[in-house]
Protein backbone atom coordinates (compact mmCIF):
# COMPACT_ATOMS: atom_id res chain seq x y z
CA SER A 1 131.47 92.73 87.16
CA LYS A 2 131.78 90.84 83.92
CA PRO A 3 128.54 90.08 82.03
CA ILE A 4 126.72 86.95 83.16
CA ALA A 5 125.97 84.49 80.34
CA ASN A 6 126.40 87.32 77.80
CA GLN A 7 123.36 89.14 79.16
CA ILE A 8 123.18 92.93 78.85
CA GLN A 9 122.42 93.17 82.56
CA ALA A 10 121.93 90.72 85.39
CA PHE A 11 122.33 90.84 89.15
CA PRO A 12 125.97 89.92 90.00
CA THR A 13 125.09 87.20 92.50
CA ASN A 14 128.68 86.16 93.16
CA SER A 15 130.26 89.60 93.27
CA TRP A 16 127.65 92.10 94.45
CA ILE A 17 129.49 92.86 97.68
CA SER A 18 132.69 93.86 95.85
CA GLU A 19 130.76 96.11 93.46
CA PHE A 20 130.49 98.85 96.10
CA GLU A 21 134.27 99.05 96.51
CA ILE A 22 134.83 98.89 92.75
CA ALA A 23 132.25 101.64 92.16
CA GLU A 24 133.98 103.91 94.67
CA ARG A 25 137.39 103.23 93.11
CA ILE A 26 136.08 104.08 89.63
CA GLY A 27 134.60 107.32 90.91
CA PHE A 28 130.89 106.55 90.94
CA ASN A 29 128.71 107.94 93.72
CA CYS A 30 125.64 105.81 93.07
CA ILE A 31 124.59 102.55 91.43
CA GLU A 32 121.41 100.99 90.10
CA TRP A 33 120.40 97.69 91.66
CA VAL A 34 119.14 94.92 89.36
CA PHE A 35 116.30 92.85 90.80
CA ASP A 36 115.71 89.83 88.56
CA ASP A 37 115.06 87.01 91.03
CA ILE A 38 113.25 86.75 94.38
CA SER A 39 116.42 85.29 95.94
CA ASN A 40 118.02 88.74 95.52
CA PRO A 41 119.83 89.96 98.66
CA ILE A 42 117.72 93.13 98.64
CA PHE A 43 115.15 90.90 100.40
CA THR A 44 117.55 89.27 102.84
CA ASP A 45 120.66 91.38 103.48
CA THR A 46 119.35 94.85 104.34
CA ASP A 47 121.94 95.51 107.06
CA LYS A 48 124.85 94.38 104.84
CA ILE A 49 123.70 96.59 101.96
CA LEU A 50 123.37 99.61 104.25
CA GLU A 51 126.79 98.90 105.73
CA LEU A 52 128.46 98.72 102.30
CA SER A 53 126.64 101.79 101.05
CA GLU A 54 127.84 103.84 104.01
CA LYS A 55 131.37 102.42 104.05
CA PHE A 56 132.06 103.21 100.39
CA ASN A 57 129.76 106.25 100.12
CA ILE A 58 127.79 104.67 97.28
CA LYS A 59 124.07 105.35 97.20
CA ILE A 60 121.61 103.04 95.49
CA ASN A 61 119.57 105.47 93.42
CA SER A 62 117.17 103.02 91.83
CA VAL A 63 116.16 99.39 91.46
CA CYS A 64 115.65 98.02 87.96
CA ALA A 65 112.98 95.38 88.62
CA ASP A 66 113.65 93.11 85.66
CA LEU A 67 111.80 90.34 87.50
CA PHE A 68 108.53 91.89 86.31
CA MET A 69 109.52 91.24 82.71
CA LYS A 70 108.89 87.58 83.55
CA LYS A 71 106.39 87.86 86.39
CA LEU A 72 104.01 90.22 84.64
CA LEU A 73 101.60 92.60 86.34
CA PHE A 74 99.11 92.04 83.51
CA ARG A 75 98.24 89.38 80.88
CA GLU A 76 98.26 86.64 83.52
CA ASN A 77 95.57 85.01 85.67
CA SER A 78 94.39 86.82 88.78
CA GLN A 79 96.22 84.45 91.16
CA ASN A 80 99.57 85.12 89.49
CA ILE A 81 98.93 88.85 89.37
CA LYS A 82 98.20 88.82 93.11
CA LEU A 83 101.47 86.98 93.82
CA HIS A 84 103.46 89.35 91.64
CA LEU A 85 101.94 92.40 93.32
CA LYS A 86 102.92 90.94 96.69
CA ILE A 87 106.51 90.76 95.48
CA LEU A 88 106.33 94.39 94.36
CA GLU A 89 104.87 95.42 97.72
CA LYS A 90 107.74 93.72 99.51
CA LEU A 91 110.23 95.41 97.18
CA ILE A 92 108.69 98.81 97.95
CA ILE A 93 109.04 98.17 101.68
CA GLN A 94 112.67 97.06 101.29
CA CYS A 95 113.52 100.08 99.15
CA ASN A 96 112.15 102.32 101.87
CA LYS A 97 114.37 100.59 104.44
CA LEU A 98 117.37 101.02 102.14
CA LYS A 99 116.54 104.64 101.26
CA ILE A 100 116.19 103.79 97.56
CA PRO A 101 113.75 106.29 96.01
CA ILE A 102 112.98 104.71 92.62
CA ILE A 103 111.75 101.32 91.40
CA GLU A 104 111.77 100.85 87.64
CA ILE A 105 109.36 98.47 85.94
CA PRO A 106 110.43 97.57 82.38
CA LEU A 107 107.55 97.20 79.93
CA VAL A 108 109.60 96.10 76.93
CA ASP A 109 110.22 92.89 75.00
CA TYR A 110 108.11 90.09 76.57
CA SER A 111 106.56 92.57 79.02
CA SER A 112 105.64 95.11 76.34
CA LEU A 113 102.11 96.53 76.52
CA LYS A 114 100.60 95.47 73.21
CA THR A 115 96.92 96.38 73.48
CA ASP A 116 94.63 98.88 75.19
CA ASP A 117 93.29 96.05 77.30
CA GLU A 118 96.79 95.22 78.55
CA LYS A 119 97.39 98.89 79.35
CA ASN A 120 94.16 99.01 81.34
CA GLN A 121 95.02 95.80 83.17
CA PHE A 122 98.44 97.11 84.06
CA CYS A 123 97.12 100.49 85.25
CA ASN A 124 94.42 98.91 87.39
CA ASN A 125 96.79 96.38 88.97
CA LEU A 126 99.65 98.79 89.63
CA SER A 127 97.22 101.33 91.10
CA GLU A 128 96.50 98.86 93.91
CA ILE A 129 99.95 99.35 95.40
CA LEU A 130 100.37 103.09 94.76
CA PRO A 131 99.01 104.08 98.19
CA LEU A 132 101.79 102.00 99.78
CA ALA A 133 104.38 103.54 97.46
CA LYS A 134 103.14 107.03 98.34
CA SER A 135 103.17 106.33 102.08
CA LEU A 136 106.81 105.19 101.85
CA ASN A 137 107.83 107.90 99.33
CA ILE A 138 108.83 105.46 96.60
CA HIS A 139 108.42 106.41 92.95
CA ILE A 140 107.54 103.78 90.34
CA ALA A 141 109.29 104.60 87.06
CA LEU A 142 107.95 102.90 83.95
CA GLU A 143 110.15 102.10 80.98
CA THR A 144 108.17 101.34 77.83
CA ASP A 145 108.58 100.93 74.09
CA LEU A 146 105.47 103.03 73.46
CA PRO A 147 105.62 106.08 71.17
CA PRO A 148 105.94 109.22 73.33
CA ASN A 149 102.32 110.39 73.10
CA HIS A 150 101.07 106.90 73.97
CA PHE A 151 103.52 106.73 76.87
CA LYS A 152 102.29 110.14 78.06
CA LYS A 153 98.69 108.91 77.96
CA LEU A 154 99.63 105.82 79.99
CA LEU A 155 101.29 107.99 82.64
CA GLN A 156 98.32 110.33 82.77
CA ASN A 157 95.99 107.38 83.35
CA PHE A 158 97.43 106.91 86.82
CA ASP A 159 96.70 110.44 88.03
CA SER A 160 99.40 109.87 90.63
CA ASN A 161 102.64 111.67 91.33
CA GLN A 162 104.20 108.33 92.33
CA VAL A 163 104.28 107.07 88.72
CA LYS A 164 107.13 108.46 86.64
CA ALA A 165 109.11 107.61 83.50
CA ASN A 166 112.46 105.94 83.11
CA TYR A 167 113.96 107.12 79.83
CA ASP A 168 116.33 104.82 77.93
CA VAL A 169 118.22 106.49 75.08
CA GLY A 170 119.29 103.17 73.56
CA ASN A 171 115.78 101.75 73.41
CA SER A 172 114.46 104.97 71.90
CA THR A 173 117.15 104.79 69.24
CA ALA A 174 116.26 101.16 68.48
CA ASN A 175 112.59 102.12 68.14
CA LYS A 176 113.55 104.99 65.80
CA PHE A 177 111.79 107.56 67.99
CA ASN A 178 112.68 111.26 67.78
CA ILE A 179 114.56 111.85 71.01
CA LYS A 180 113.94 115.62 71.05
CA ASP A 181 110.20 115.07 70.70
CA GLU A 182 110.25 112.39 73.39
CA LEU A 183 112.10 114.55 75.89
CA LYS A 184 109.74 117.47 75.29
CA ILE A 185 106.63 115.29 75.70
CA LEU A 186 107.83 113.19 78.64
CA LYS A 187 109.83 115.85 80.50
CA PRO A 188 107.31 116.29 83.38
CA TRP A 189 107.57 112.58 84.25
CA ILE A 190 111.22 111.66 83.61
CA ILE A 191 112.88 110.77 86.90
CA ASN A 192 115.70 108.47 85.76
CA ILE A 193 117.71 107.90 82.58
CA HIS A 194 119.48 104.85 81.17
CA VAL A 195 122.42 105.74 78.93
CA LYS A 196 123.27 102.96 76.50
CA ASP A 197 123.73 102.51 72.77
CA ARG A 198 121.81 100.55 70.15
CA PHE A 199 121.43 100.46 66.40
CA ALA A 200 118.19 101.80 64.96
CA GLY A 201 116.02 98.71 64.76
CA GLY A 202 118.85 96.67 66.30
CA ASN A 203 120.43 95.37 69.47
CA THR A 204 122.45 96.88 72.28
CA VAL A 205 126.12 97.52 71.47
CA PRO A 206 129.07 99.02 73.40
CA LEU A 207 128.56 102.71 74.18
CA GLY A 208 129.62 104.91 71.28
CA THR A 209 129.43 102.23 68.59
CA GLY A 210 125.71 102.40 67.74
CA ASP A 211 123.31 105.02 66.45
């Protein structure tokens, strides 16, 4: 689908059904589902999604839960945190029904973890739903803008095999991280990769035109 309002990524509300057929025609065998609003059909159209996935032989490998860049799992009051965790719990249950193994939580831009206190808040809050994720065999993949050793420490804080890393080559380039070092340090946790292009210290650009 064409970009929505010039955004880098957004759920294609008006064309999501046709995306399965288009993906098959292009030659894809899986897609990543963007979850950026609670009105997303992943909560309401389970049977239709399964039908399309089977018809066009397109698996949904992961859900990019961009909603939690706005509805944070830290830095907010306890009532909001509780509501946001309920949404995540529901998403975990739906992913299990749809045989989607990975949920990504982006911790970048507005949702970036800025302090040790925020890291502790996030770890404590996310840990509440890890037993559910484990029981339904769903992995939670974190995407952060932390330097690799700090990211490693965050992952180790969970002491859970359900928490993994989503690695984004474009974001790493923008943050001027050493990709070889990152891959070596984060290798045990990396479960999913985003391939995109950015300028060092800059924005996302078409693939092959950045750094």
